Amino acid sequence: MSAHRPAAVVVVLDRPASAGAALSVVLRVHGLCSGLGILMSVATGSAPARRALHAAADRTGVRLVVHARRHTAVTGTAFAAAA
């Protein structure tokens, strides 16, 4: 990621993918993005997955933005990255 250096990253999880392994990968990517100063957000329709991501990310000290809808995640992240 450091070679490409995107302004922002949006990860979209479908309901079947919102399991332990997928959430673990999202949290690892969140750690990488945070370390590089890259804005990241997640979109998932799964309320349990959103709660799990919030709870796990709170332990890292860097806020992870988790949205229920993908269009909100993309729009909100684009506006935040442009600011």
C-alpha atoms as a PDB file:
ATOM      1  CA  MET A   1       0.000   0.000   0.000  1.00  0.00           C
ATOM      2  CA  SER A   2       2.822   2.432   0.681  1.00  0.00           C
ATOM      3  CA  ALA A   3       3.880   2.354  -2.983  1.00  0.00           C
ATOM      4  CA  HIS A   4       0.355   3.012  -4.249  1.00  0.00           C
ATOM      5  CA  ARG A   5      -0.639   5.386  -1.406  1.00  0.00           C
ATOM      6  CA  PRO A   6      -4.392   5.823  -1.976  1.00  0.00           C
ATOM      7  CA  ALA A   7      -6.119   8.858  -0.465  1.00  0.00           C
ATOM      8  CA  ALA A   8      -8.764   6.641   1.112  1.00  0.00           C
ATOM      9  CA  VAL A   9      -9.872   3.013   1.324  1.00  0.00           C
ATOM     10  CA  VAL A  10     -13.452   1.707   1.499  1.00  0.00           C
ATOM     11  CA  VAL A  11     -14.012  -1.970   2.305  1.00  0.00           C
ATOM     12  CA  VAL A  12     -17.458  -3.435   1.563  1.00  0.00           C
ATOM     13  CA  LEU A  13     -18.421  -6.666   3.316  1.00  0.00           C
ATOM     14  CA  ASP A  14     -21.398  -8.669   2.089  1.00  0.00           C
ATOM     15  CA  ARG A  15     -23.445 -10.491   4.715  1.00  0.00           C
ATOM     16  CA  PRO A  16     -21.972 -13.959   4.032  1.00  0.00           C
ATOM     17  CA  ALA A  17     -18.458 -12.519   4.229  1.00  0.00           C
ATOM     18  CA  SER A  18     -19.082 -10.837   7.581  1.00  0.00           C
ATOM     19  CA  ALA A  19     -17.543 -13.669   9.591  1.00  0.00           C
ATOM     20  CA  GLY A  20     -14.544 -13.867  11.889  1.00  0.00           C
ATOM     21  CA  ALA A  21     -11.859 -14.255   9.213  1.00  0.00           C
ATOM     22  CA  ALA A  22     -13.177 -11.367   7.109  1.00  0.00           C
ATOM     23  CA  LEU A  23     -13.421  -9.101  10.154  1.00  0.00           C
ATOM     24  CA  SER A  24      -9.873 -10.012  11.151  1.00  0.00           C
ATOM     25  CA  VAL A  25      -8.590  -9.015   7.706  1.00  0.00           C
ATOM     26  CA  VAL A  26     -10.484  -5.718   7.873  1.00  0.00           C
ATOM     27  CA  LEU A  27      -8.905  -4.939  11.249  1.00  0.00           C
ATOM     28  CA  ARG A  28      -5.427  -5.749   9.905  1.00  0.00           C
ATOM     29  CA  VAL A  29      -5.970  -3.455   6.929  1.00  0.00           C
ATOM     30  CA  HIS A  30      -7.267  -0.786   9.311  1.00  0.00           C
ATOM     31  CA  GLY A  31      -4.011  -1.054  11.251  1.00  0.00           C
ATOM     32  CA  LEU A  32      -1.963  -0.713   8.059  1.00  0.00           C
ATOM     33  CA  CYS A  33      -4.001   2.264   6.855  1.00  0.00           C
ATOM     34  CA  SER A  34      -3.775   3.964  10.241  1.00  0.00           C
ATOM     35  CA  GLY A  35      -0.010   3.536  10.308  1.00  0.00           C
ATOM     36  CA  LEU A  36       0.274   5.100   6.862  1.00  0.00           C
ATOM     37  CA  GLY A  37      -2.172   7.923   7.575  1.00  0.00           C
ATOM     38  CA  ILE A  38      -4.719   6.626   5.059  1.00  0.00           C
ATOM     39  CA  LEU A  39      -8.400   7.198   5.767  1.00  0.00           C
ATOM     40  CA  MET A  40     -10.398   3.956   5.851  1.00  0.00           C
ATOM     41  CA  SER A  41     -14.047   3.084   6.266  1.00  0.00           C
ATOM     42  CA  VAL A  42     -16.085  -0.095   6.107  1.00  0.00           C
ATOM     43  CA  ALA A  43     -19.600  -0.800   4.849  1.00  0.00           C
ATOM     44  CA  THR A  44     -21.571  -3.835   5.946  1.00  0.00           C
ATOM     45  CA  GLY A  45     -25.262  -4.512   6.277  1.00  0.00           C
ATOM     46  CA  SER A  46     -24.594  -6.853   9.189  1.00  0.00           C
ATOM     47  CA  ALA A  47     -25.268  -5.175  12.542  1.00  0.00           C
ATOM     48  CA  PRO A  48     -23.306  -7.849  14.468  1.00  0.00           C
ATOM     49  CA  ALA A  49     -20.310  -7.287  12.172  1.00  0.00           C
ATOM     50  CA  ARG A  50     -20.524  -3.504  12.693  1.00  0.00           C
ATOM     51  CA  ARG A  51     -20.611  -3.955  16.469  1.00  0.00           C
ATOM     52  CA  ALA A  52     -17.679  -6.382  16.375  1.00  0.00           C
ATOM     53  CA  LEU A  53     -15.600  -4.021  14.212  1.00  0.00           C
ATOM     54  CA  HIS A  54     -16.337  -1.055  16.480  1.00  0.00           C
ATOM     55  CA  ALA A  55     -15.456  -3.024  19.599  1.00  0.00           C
ATOM     56  CA  ALA A  56     -12.206  -4.411  18.193  1.00  0.00           C
ATOM     57  CA  ALA A  57     -11.098  -1.157  16.562  1.00  0.00           C
ATOM     58  CA  ASP A  58     -11.681   0.829  19.754  1.00  0.00           C
ATOM     59  CA  ARG A  59      -8.831  -1.121  21.337  1.00  0.00           C
ATOM     60  CA  THR A  60      -6.367   0.161  18.736  1.00  0.00           C
ATOM     61  CA  GLY A  61      -6.909   3.830  19.580  1.00  0.00           C
ATOM     62  CA  VAL A  62      -7.623   4.820  15.964  1.00  0.00           C
ATOM     63  CA  ARG A  63     -11.283   5.241  15.082  1.00  0.00           C
ATOM     64  CA  LEU A  64     -12.679   2.982  12.372  1.00  0.00           C
ATOM     65  CA  VAL A  65     -15.678   4.396  10.538  1.00  0.00           C
ATOM     66  CA  VAL A  66     -18.251   1.664   9.880  1.00  0.00           C
ATOM     67  CA  HIS A  67     -21.340   2.333   7.743  1.00  0.00           C
ATOM     68  CA  ALA A  68     -24.470   0.283   7.188  1.00  0.00           C
ATOM     69  CA  ARG A  69     -24.716   1.215   3.494  1.00  0.00           C
ATOM     70  CA  ARG A  70     -22.021   1.198   0.859  1.00  0.00           C
ATOM     71  CA  HIS A  71     -23.093   4.444  -0.848  1.00  0.00           C
ATOM     72  CA  THR A  72     -22.820   6.252   2.496  1.00  0.00           C
ATOM     73  CA  ALA A  73     -19.346   4.807   3.055  1.00  0.00           C
ATOM     74  CA  VAL A  74     -18.093   5.796  -0.387  1.00  0.00           C
ATOM     75  CA  THR A  75     -19.610   9.306  -0.297  1.00  0.00           C
ATOM     76  CA  GLY A  76     -18.573  10.046   3.279  1.00  0.00           C
ATOM     77  CA  THR A  77     -15.042   8.785   2.769  1.00  0.00           C
ATOM     78  CA  ALA A  78     -14.639  10.730  -0.481  1.00  0.00           C
ATOM     79  CA  PHE A  79     -15.748  13.971   1.187  1.00  0.00           C
ATOM     80  CA  ALA A  80     -13.494  13.371   4.193  1.00  0.00           C
ATOM     81  CA  ALA A  81     -10.493  12.576   1.974  1.00  0.00           C
ATOM     82  CA  ALA A  82     -11.070  15.717  -0.090  1.00  0.00           C
ATOM     83  CA  ALA A  83     -11.232  17.966   2.991  1.00  0.00           C
END
